[in-house]
């Protein structure tokens, strides 16, 4: 049976068919890795499987498509955590996962093993910042992830997008990436402009420079204006009551900071 902790969630039918044709001609050259099933993490009353795939589900599927009844396997002694780790490492070594699948698998391993990010990064032979950046991609909603994959966003595109806190803020940026075919560096500059409120110049494929201002987010801006008006009224009320009052706004990497000073 397939590994329930398999990080890969999608299998390309055309690639499977191509592999299946190759297996029909040459056989399965590389054995798959399996473990004996001792206890399942969830009930499967109809399953009669005695082994669980650790690595090689794609080869197993293609072999079934090729009509093979048996294939060579290497049996490993592994518990649930080891099986999940081996499945992830096998896919990472072949660069066979999307960056979202990698992030989901890494998050699952963190939850299963109770390891710290630095401990898991060491086990996967990657740096802790690399692992942290992968996990931050999961800030994007399922809808946004699908949109990113369908439109060919790179991991760098998505790392730039997660700087924005809400889907509401990210939406106009994602639409701009798709409409104007923005590269990752252009996307980063556009988001920098959003935070700085400074116009940014982006060159299209025709090399004609266009000026792109901070994306307009109608609801967000309305809320901010309401906040500022409320602060203005509050300060005037304090002044009418004999207090010295003033408020100011400061923008930093974390967002907008409001400071209100009141004195006699």
C-alpha atoms as a PDB file:
ATOM      1  CA  UNK A   1       0.000   0.000   0.000  1.00  0.00           C
ATOM      2  CA  UNK A   2       1.175   3.605  -0.531  1.00  0.00           C
ATOM      3  CA  UNK A   3       2.879   5.454   2.290  1.00  0.00           C
ATOM      4  CA  UNK A   4       0.254   7.690   3.988  1.00  0.00           C
ATOM      5  CA  UNK A   5       3.111  10.109   4.759  1.00  0.00           C
ATOM      6  CA  UNK A   6       4.159  10.355   1.102  1.00  0.00           C
ATOM      7  CA  UNK A   7       4.964  14.063   0.556  1.00  0.00           C
ATOM      8  CA  UNK A   8       4.069  13.996  -3.141  1.00  0.00           C
ATOM      9  CA  UNK A   9       0.372  14.753  -3.624  1.00  0.00           C
ATOM     10  CA  UNK A  10       0.108  14.730  -7.425  1.00  0.00           C
ATOM     11  CA  UNK A  11       1.372  12.320 -10.089  1.00  0.00           C
ATOM     12  CA  UNK A  12       1.622  13.481 -13.691  1.00  0.00           C
ATOM     13  CA  UNK A  13      -0.317  10.983 -15.854  1.00  0.00           C
ATOM     14  CA  UNK A  14       1.846  11.545 -18.953  1.00  0.00           C
ATOM     15  CA  UNK A  15       5.046  10.977 -16.962  1.00  0.00           C
ATOM     16  CA  UNK A  16       3.573   7.833 -15.400  1.00  0.00           C
ATOM     17  CA  UNK A  17       2.624   6.522 -18.836  1.00  0.00           C
ATOM     18  CA  UNK A  18       6.117   7.229 -20.158  1.00  0.00           C
ATOM     19  CA  UNK A  19       7.682   5.415 -17.204  1.00  0.00           C
ATOM     20  CA  UNK A  20       5.210   2.559 -17.644  1.00  0.00           C
ATOM     21  CA  UNK A  21       6.230   2.153 -21.296  1.00  0.00           C
ATOM     22  CA  UNK A  22       9.890   2.096 -20.251  1.00  0.00           C
ATOM     23  CA  UNK A  23       9.170  -0.563 -17.608  1.00  0.00           C
ATOM     24  CA  UNK A  24       7.332  -2.676 -20.195  1.00  0.00           C
ATOM     25  CA  UNK A  25      10.443  -2.592 -22.374  1.00  0.00           C
ATOM     26  CA  UNK A  26      13.280  -2.826 -19.856  1.00  0.00           C
ATOM     27  CA  UNK A  27      11.612  -3.905 -16.597  1.00  0.00           C
ATOM     28  CA  UNK A  28      11.905  -2.103 -13.268  1.00  0.00           C
ATOM     29  CA  UNK A  29      15.635  -1.447 -12.884  1.00  0.00           C
ATOM     30  CA  UNK A  30      15.592   0.209  -9.439  1.00  0.00           C
ATOM     31  CA  UNK A  31      13.739  -1.665  -6.649  1.00  0.00           C
ATOM     32  CA  UNK A  32      11.281   0.218  -4.460  1.00  0.00           C
ATOM     33  CA  UNK A  33      11.763   0.472  -0.672  1.00  0.00           C
ATOM     34  CA  UNK A  34       9.094  -0.996   1.620  1.00  0.00           C
ATOM     35  CA  UNK A  35       8.465  -1.810   5.277  1.00  0.00           C
ATOM     36  CA  UNK A  36       6.325  -4.482   6.884  1.00  0.00           C
ATOM     37  CA  UNK A  37       2.990  -3.194   8.143  1.00  0.00           C
ATOM     38  CA  UNK A  38       2.641  -3.688  11.879  1.00  0.00           C
ATOM     39  CA  UNK A  39      -0.145  -1.234  12.668  1.00  0.00           C
ATOM     40  CA  UNK A  40      -1.904   1.297  10.487  1.00  0.00           C
ATOM     41  CA  UNK A  41      -2.375   4.929  11.608  1.00  0.00           C
ATOM     42  CA  UNK A  42      -6.022   4.669  10.512  1.00  0.00           C
ATOM     43  CA  UNK A  43      -8.450   1.782   9.884  1.00  0.00           C
ATOM     44  CA  UNK A  44      -8.432   0.246   6.397  1.00  0.00           C
ATOM     45  CA  UNK A  45     -10.728  -2.800   6.636  1.00  0.00           C
ATOM     46  CA  UNK A  46     -10.568  -3.581   2.903  1.00  0.00           C
ATOM     47  CA  UNK A  47      -6.763  -3.529   2.728  1.00  0.00           C
ATOM     48  CA  UNK A  48      -4.924  -6.844   2.631  1.00  0.00           C
ATOM     49  CA  UNK A  49      -1.525  -5.214   2.123  1.00  0.00           C
ATOM     50  CA  UNK A  50       1.337  -6.598   4.180  1.00  0.00           C
ATOM     51  CA  UNK A  51       3.893  -3.981   3.118  1.00  0.00           C
ATOM     52  CA  UNK A  52       3.913  -0.202   2.941  1.00  0.00           C
ATOM     53  CA  UNK A  53       5.911   1.766   0.379  1.00  0.00           C
ATOM     54  CA  UNK A  54       8.629   3.974   1.846  1.00  0.00           C
ATOM     55  CA  UNK A  55      10.071   5.206  -1.457  1.00  0.00           C
ATOM     56  CA  UNK A  56       9.103   4.413  -5.033  1.00  0.00           C
ATOM     57  CA  UNK A  57       5.353   4.964  -5.220  1.00  0.00           C
ATOM     58  CA  UNK A  58       5.703   6.447  -8.716  1.00  0.00           C
ATOM     59  CA  UNK A  59       7.562   3.328  -9.917  1.00  0.00           C
ATOM     60  CA  UNK A  60       4.936   1.132  -8.201  1.00  0.00           C
ATOM     61  CA  UNK A  61       2.081   2.947  -9.950  1.00  0.00           C
ATOM     62  CA  UNK A  62       3.817   2.776 -13.332  1.00  0.00           C
ATOM     63  CA  UNK A  63       4.504  -0.942 -12.859  1.00  0.00           C
ATOM     64  CA  UNK A  64       0.810  -1.557 -12.193  1.00  0.00           C
ATOM     65  CA  UNK A  65      -0.030   0.380 -15.360  1.00  0.00           C
ATOM     66  CA  UNK A  66       2.461  -1.840 -17.225  1.00  0.00           C
ATOM     67  CA  UNK A  67       0.572  -4.916 -16.001  1.00  0.00           C
ATOM     68  CA  UNK A  68       3.346  -6.302 -13.786  1.00  0.00           C
ATOM     69  CA  UNK A  69       2.211  -8.640 -10.999  1.00  0.00           C
ATOM     70  CA  UNK A  70       5.471  -8.530  -8.998  1.00  0.00           C
ATOM     71  CA  UNK A  71       8.341  -6.035  -8.721  1.00  0.00           C
ATOM     72  CA  UNK A  72      11.662  -6.130  -6.820  1.00  0.00           C
ATOM     73  CA  UNK A  73      11.605  -4.530  -3.344  1.00  0.00           C
ATOM     74  CA  UNK A  74      14.091  -3.796  -0.583  1.00  0.00           C
ATOM     75  CA  UNK A  75      12.576  -4.355   2.856  1.00  0.00           C
ATOM     76  CA  UNK A  76      13.584  -1.861   5.565  1.00  0.00           C
ATOM     77  CA  UNK A  77      12.969  -1.974   9.285  1.00  0.00           C
ATOM     78  CA  UNK A  78      11.462   1.464   9.950  1.00  0.00           C
ATOM     79  CA  UNK A  79       8.906   3.039  12.248  1.00  0.00           C
ATOM     80  CA  UNK A  80       6.360   5.653  11.142  1.00  0.00           C
ATOM     81  CA  UNK A  81       8.732   8.599  11.666  1.00  0.00           C
ATOM     82  CA  UNK A  82      11.621   6.894   9.861  1.00  0.00           C
ATOM     83  CA  UNK A  83       9.316   5.984   6.979  1.00  0.00           C
ATOM     84  CA  UNK A  84       8.121   9.575   6.604  1.00  0.00           C
ATOM     85  CA  UNK A  85      11.684  10.902   6.766  1.00  0.00           C
ATOM     86  CA  UNK A  86      12.954   8.426   4.156  1.00  0.00           C
ATOM     87  CA  UNK A  87      10.067   9.228   1.786  1.00  0.00           C
ATOM     88  CA  UNK A  88      10.811  12.951   2.034  1.00  0.00           C
ATOM     89  CA  UNK A  89      14.581  12.572   1.641  1.00  0.00           C
ATOM     90  CA  UNK A  90      14.143  10.295  -1.385  1.00  0.00           C
ATOM     91  CA  UNK A  91      11.985  12.914  -3.116  1.00  0.00           C
ATOM     92  CA  UNK A  92      14.253  15.797  -2.109  1.00  0.00           C
ATOM     93  CA  UNK A  93      17.307  14.022  -3.484  1.00  0.00           C
ATOM     94  CA  UNK A  94      15.576  13.741  -6.846  1.00  0.00           C
ATOM     95  CA  UNK A  95      14.189  17.317  -6.668  1.00  0.00           C
ATOM     96  CA  UNK A  96      10.878  15.642  -7.364  1.00  0.00           C
ATOM     97  CA  UNK A  97       8.483  17.696  -5.262  1.00  0.00           C
ATOM     98  CA  UNK A  98       6.904  21.084  -5.726  1.00  0.00           C
ATOM     99  CA  UNK A  99       8.027  23.660  -3.165  1.00  0.00           C
ATOM    100  CA  UNK A 100       4.597  23.492  -1.514  1.00  0.00           C
ATOM    101  CA  UNK A 101       4.801  19.693  -1.217  1.00  0.00           C
ATOM    102  CA  UNK A 102       8.250  20.063   0.343  1.00  0.00           C
ATOM    103  CA  UNK A 103       6.918  22.605   2.850  1.00  0.00           C
ATOM    104  CA  UNK A 104       3.953  20.416   3.802  1.00  0.00           C
ATOM    105  CA  UNK A 105       6.172  17.362   4.261  1.00  0.00           C
ATOM    106  CA  UNK A 106       8.609  19.319   6.430  1.00  0.00           C
ATOM    107  CA  UNK A 107       5.788  20.684   8.569  1.00  0.00           C
ATOM    108  CA  UNK A 108       4.390  17.159   9.004  1.00  0.00           C
ATOM    109  CA  UNK A 109       7.779  15.865  10.120  1.00  0.00           C
ATOM    110  CA  UNK A 110       8.097  18.679  12.651  1.00  0.00           C
ATOM    111  CA  UNK A 111       4.729  17.749  14.132  1.00  0.00           C
ATOM    112  CA  UNK A 112       5.435  14.003  14.100  1.00  0.00           C
ATOM    113  CA  UNK A 113       8.917  14.075  15.563  1.00  0.00           C
ATOM    114  CA  UNK A 114       8.690  17.067  17.936  1.00  0.00           C
ATOM    115  CA  UNK A 115      12.051  18.195  16.585  1.00  0.00           C
ATOM    116  CA  UNK A 116      13.109  21.802  16.441  1.00  0.00           C
ATOM    117  CA  UNK A 117      13.584  23.460  13.071  1.00  0.00           C
ATOM    118  CA  UNK A 118      17.358  23.371  13.481  1.00  0.00           C
ATOM    119  CA  UNK A 119      17.286  19.641  14.331  1.00  0.00           C
ATOM    120  CA  UNK A 120      15.130  18.773  11.337  1.00  0.00           C
ATOM    121  CA  UNK A 121      17.230  20.968   9.038  1.00  0.00           C
ATOM    122  CA  UNK A 122      20.352  19.102  10.150  1.00  0.00           C
ATOM    123  CA  UNK A 123      18.659  15.728   9.538  1.00  0.00           C
ATOM    124  CA  UNK A 124      17.693  16.844   6.011  1.00  0.00           C
ATOM    125  CA  UNK A 125      21.155  18.341   5.335  1.00  0.00           C
ATOM    126  CA  UNK A 126      19.793  21.824   4.687  1.00  0.00           C
ATOM    127  CA  UNK A 127      20.252  25.108   6.540  1.00  0.00           C
ATOM    128  CA  UNK A 128      17.780  26.239   9.197  1.00  0.00           C
ATOM    129  CA  UNK A 129      16.959  29.477   7.257  1.00  0.00           C
ATOM    130  CA  UNK A 130      16.175  27.355   4.180  1.00  0.00           C
ATOM    131  CA  UNK A 131      13.773  25.224   6.213  1.00  0.00           C
ATOM    132  CA  UNK A 132      12.193  28.305   7.789  1.00  0.00           C
ATOM    133  CA  UNK A 133      11.663  29.927   4.369  1.00  0.00           C
ATOM    134  CA  UNK A 134      10.014  26.745   3.097  1.00  0.00           C
ATOM    135  CA  UNK A 135       7.596  26.655   6.037  1.00  0.00           C
ATOM    136  CA  UNK A 136       6.651  30.320   5.565  1.00  0.00           C
ATOM    137  CA  UNK A 137       5.224  29.407   2.147  1.00  0.00           C
ATOM    138  CA  UNK A 138       2.362  27.689   3.971  1.00  0.00           C
ATOM    139  CA  UNK A 139       1.028  31.128   4.918  1.00  0.00           C
ATOM    140  CA  UNK A 140      -0.530  31.101   1.449  1.00  0.00           C
ATOM    141  CA  UNK A 141      -4.029  29.650   1.372  1.00  0.00           C
ATOM    142  CA  UNK A 142      -4.939  26.516  -0.606  1.00  0.00           C
ATOM    143  CA  UNK A 143      -6.537  28.733  -3.253  1.00  0.00           C
ATOM    144  CA  UNK A 144      -3.405  30.861  -3.534  1.00  0.00           C
ATOM    145  CA  UNK A 145      -1.138  27.805  -3.775  1.00  0.00           C
ATOM    146  CA  UNK A 146      -3.218  26.387  -6.610  1.00  0.00           C
ATOM    147  CA  UNK A 147      -3.208  29.758  -8.351  1.00  0.00           C
ATOM    148  CA  UNK A 148       0.585  29.993  -7.972  1.00  0.00           C
ATOM    149  CA  UNK A 149       1.229  26.510  -9.363  1.00  0.00           C
ATOM    150  CA  UNK A 150      -1.206  26.879 -12.272  1.00  0.00           C
ATOM    151  CA  UNK A 151       0.461  30.147 -13.347  1.00  0.00           C
ATOM    152  CA  UNK A 152       4.073  29.036 -12.959  1.00  0.00           C
ATOM    153  CA  UNK A 153       5.068  31.137  -9.956  1.00  0.00           C
ATOM    154  CA  UNK A 154       8.563  30.361  -8.722  1.00  0.00           C
ATOM    155  CA  UNK A 155       9.353  29.744  -5.073  1.00  0.00           C
ATOM    156  CA  UNK A 156      10.950  33.200  -5.003  1.00  0.00           C
ATOM    157  CA  UNK A 157       7.659  34.738  -6.176  1.00  0.00           C
ATOM    158  CA  UNK A 158       5.859  33.061  -3.278  1.00  0.00           C
ATOM    159  CA  UNK A 159       8.508  34.009  -0.708  1.00  0.00           C
ATOM    160  CA  UNK A 160       7.926  37.631  -1.707  1.00  0.00           C
ATOM    161  CA  UNK A 161       4.142  37.265  -1.465  1.00  0.00           C
ATOM    162  CA  UNK A 162       4.172  35.932   2.111  1.00  0.00           C
ATOM    163  CA  UNK A 163       5.606  39.253   3.246  1.00  0.00           C
ATOM    164  CA  UNK A 164       2.003  40.463   2.940  1.00  0.00           C
ATOM    165  CA  UNK A 165      -0.074  39.312   5.883  1.00  0.00           C
ATOM    166  CA  UNK A 166      -3.496  38.683   4.337  1.00  0.00           C
ATOM    167  CA  UNK A 167      -4.952  37.099   1.223  1.00  0.00           C
ATOM    168  CA  UNK A 168      -6.772  40.367   0.643  1.00  0.00           C
ATOM    169  CA  UNK A 169      -3.460  42.205   0.344  1.00  0.00           C
ATOM    170  CA  UNK A 170      -1.822  39.514  -1.781  1.00  0.00           C
ATOM    171  CA  UNK A 171      -4.621  39.194  -4.324  1.00  0.00           C
ATOM    172  CA  UNK A 172      -3.869  42.310  -6.450  1.00  0.00           C
ATOM    173  CA  UNK A 173      -0.153  41.459  -6.452  1.00  0.00           C
ATOM    174  CA  UNK A 174      -0.830  37.917  -7.691  1.00  0.00           C
ATOM    175  CA  UNK A 175      -3.101  39.239 -10.427  1.00  0.00           C
ATOM    176  CA  UNK A 176      -0.403  41.720 -11.467  1.00  0.00           C
ATOM    177  CA  UNK A 177       2.180  38.898 -11.667  1.00  0.00           C
ATOM    178  CA  UNK A 178      -0.118  36.925 -13.970  1.00  0.00           C
ATOM    179  CA  UNK A 179      -1.289  39.831 -16.118  1.00  0.00           C
ATOM    180  CA  UNK A 180       2.110  41.489 -16.615  1.00  0.00           C
ATOM    181  CA  UNK A 181       4.204  38.288 -16.432  1.00  0.00           C
ATOM    182  CA  UNK A 182       6.333  39.787 -13.674  1.00  0.00           C
ATOM    183  CA  UNK A 183       9.603  38.117 -12.809  1.00  0.00           C
ATOM    184  CA  UNK A 184      10.491  37.351  -9.192  1.00  0.00           C
ATOM    185  CA  UNK A 185      12.755  40.445  -8.866  1.00  0.00           C
ATOM    186  CA  UNK A 186      10.000  42.639 -10.343  1.00  0.00           C
ATOM    187  CA  UNK A 187       7.530  41.159  -7.873  1.00  0.00           C
ATOM    188  CA  UNK A 188       9.878  41.912  -4.974  1.00  0.00           C
ATOM    189  CA  UNK A 189      10.228  45.525  -6.144  1.00  0.00           C
ATOM    190  CA  UNK A 190       6.450  45.850  -6.436  1.00  0.00           C
ATOM    191  CA  UNK A 191       5.972  44.624  -2.877  1.00  0.00           C
ATOM    192  CA  UNK A 192       8.767  46.917  -1.651  1.00  0.00           C
ATOM    193  CA  UNK A 193       6.837  49.781  -3.249  1.00  0.00           C
ATOM    194  CA  UNK A 194       3.663  48.654  -1.476  1.00  0.00           C
ATOM    195  CA  UNK A 195       5.357  49.011   1.905  1.00  0.00           C
ATOM    196  CA  UNK A 196       7.194  52.242   1.074  1.00  0.00           C
ATOM    197  CA  UNK A 197       4.334  53.874  -0.850  1.00  0.00           C
ATOM    198  CA  UNK A 198       6.953  54.796  -3.473  1.00  0.00           C
ATOM    199  CA  UNK A 199       6.246  54.324  -7.207  1.00  0.00           C
ATOM    200  CA  UNK A 200       8.316  51.552  -8.758  1.00  0.00           C
ATOM    201  CA  UNK A 201       9.404  51.287 -12.375  1.00  0.00           C
ATOM    202  CA  UNK A 202       8.928  47.869 -13.960  1.00  0.00           C
ATOM    203  CA  UNK A 203      10.002  47.029 -17.494  1.00  0.00           C
ATOM    204  CA  UNK A 204       7.766  44.840 -19.616  1.00  0.00           C
ATOM    205  CA  UNK A 205       9.023  42.324 -22.177  1.00  0.00           C
ATOM    206  CA  UNK A 206       8.975  45.133 -24.763  1.00  0.00           C
ATOM    207  CA  UNK A 207      11.421  47.093 -22.558  1.00  0.00           C
ATOM    208  CA  UNK A 208       8.947  49.982 -22.193  1.00  0.00           C
ATOM    209  CA  UNK A 209       9.185  51.291 -18.630  1.00  0.00           C
ATOM    210  CA  UNK A 210       5.894  51.707 -16.822  1.00  0.00           C
ATOM    211  CA  UNK A 211       5.266  53.163 -13.415  1.00  0.00           C
ATOM    212  CA  UNK A 212       3.401  50.962 -11.015  1.00  0.00           C
ATOM    213  CA  UNK A 213       2.172  52.472  -7.791  1.00  0.00           C
ATOM    214  CA  UNK A 214       1.353  50.696  -4.583  1.00  0.00           C
ATOM    215  CA  UNK A 215      -1.550  48.311  -5.352  1.00  0.00           C
ATOM    216  CA  UNK A 216      -4.901  49.794  -4.449  1.00  0.00           C
ATOM    217  CA  UNK A 217      -6.724  47.724  -1.866  1.00  0.00           C
ATOM    218  CA  UNK A 218     -10.009  49.522  -1.454  1.00  0.00           C
ATOM    219  CA  UNK A 219     -11.273  47.950   1.752  1.00  0.00           C
ATOM    220  CA  UNK A 220      -7.877  48.130   3.448  1.00  0.00           C
ATOM    221  CA  UNK A 221      -7.436  51.809   2.634  1.00  0.00           C
ATOM    222  CA  UNK A 222     -10.972  52.609   3.822  1.00  0.00           C
ATOM    223  CA  UNK A 223     -10.240  51.008   7.194  1.00  0.00           C
ATOM    224  CA  UNK A 224      -6.997  53.002   7.545  1.00  0.00           C
ATOM    225  CA  UNK A 225      -8.716  56.300   6.680  1.00  0.00           C
ATOM    226  CA  UNK A 226     -11.424  55.560   9.242  1.00  0.00           C
ATOM    227  CA  UNK A 227      -8.732  54.892  11.847  1.00  0.00           C
ATOM    228  CA  UNK A 228      -6.905  58.152  11.079  1.00  0.00           C
ATOM    229  CA  UNK A 229     -10.139  60.185  11.208  1.00  0.00           C
ATOM    230  CA  UNK A 230     -11.025  58.618  14.550  1.00  0.00           C
ATOM    231  CA  UNK A 231      -7.604  59.491  15.944  1.00  0.00           C
ATOM    232  CA  UNK A 232      -7.923  63.084  14.727  1.00  0.00           C
ATOM    233  CA  UNK A 233     -11.287  63.446  16.501  1.00  0.00           C
ATOM    234  CA  UNK A 234      -9.950  61.862  19.687  1.00  0.00           C
ATOM    235  CA  UNK A 235      -6.973  64.210  19.795  1.00  0.00           C
ATOM    236  CA  UNK A 236      -9.237  67.268  19.314  1.00  0.00           C
ATOM    237  CA  UNK A 237     -11.455  66.126  22.168  1.00  0.00           C
ATOM    238  CA  UNK A 238      -8.414  65.845  24.434  1.00  0.00           C
ATOM    239  CA  UNK A 239      -7.180  69.284  23.370  1.00  0.00           C
ATOM    240  CA  UNK A 240     -10.607  70.790  24.100  1.00  0.00           C
ATOM    241  CA  UNK A 241     -10.366  69.263  27.570  1.00  0.00           C
ATOM    242  CA  UNK A 242      -7.078  71.043  28.248  1.00  0.00           C
ATOM    243  CA  UNK A 243      -4.566  68.338  27.334  1.00  0.00           C
ATOM    244  CA  UNK A 244      -1.670  68.570  24.943  1.00  0.00           C
ATOM    245  CA  UNK A 245      -2.265  65.658  22.570  1.00  0.00           C
ATOM    246  CA  UNK A 246      -0.712  64.531  19.323  1.00  0.00           C
ATOM    247  CA  UNK A 247      -0.524  61.288  17.362  1.00  0.00           C
ATOM    248  CA  UNK A 248       1.892  60.117  14.702  1.00  0.00           C
ATOM    249  CA  UNK A 249       2.341  57.070  12.492  1.00  0.00           C
ATOM    250  CA  UNK A 250       5.542  55.131  11.832  1.00  0.00           C
ATOM    251  CA  UNK A 251       5.990  52.444   9.176  1.00  0.00           C
ATOM    252  CA  UNK A 252       8.399  49.586   9.722  1.00  0.00           C
ATOM    253  CA  UNK A 253       8.921  46.039   8.460  1.00  0.00           C
ATOM    254  CA  UNK A 254       6.232  44.691  10.799  1.00  0.00           C
ATOM    255  CA  UNK A 255       3.534  47.122   9.668  1.00  0.00           C
ATOM    256  CA  UNK A 256       2.085  50.428  10.809  1.00  0.00           C
ATOM    257  CA  UNK A 257       2.813  51.741  14.313  1.00  0.00           C
ATOM    258  CA  UNK A 258       0.567  54.431  15.856  1.00  0.00           C
ATOM    259  CA  UNK A 259       1.986  56.552  18.693  1.00  0.00           C
ATOM    260  CA  UNK A 260      -0.320  58.812  20.756  1.00  0.00           C
ATOM    261  CA  UNK A 261       1.256  61.310  23.172  1.00  0.00           C
ATOM    262  CA  UNK A 262      -0.874  63.015  25.837  1.00  0.00           C
ATOM    263  CA  UNK A 263       0.372  65.594  28.376  1.00  0.00           C
ATOM    264  CA  UNK A 264      -0.779  68.529  30.483  1.00  0.00           C
END
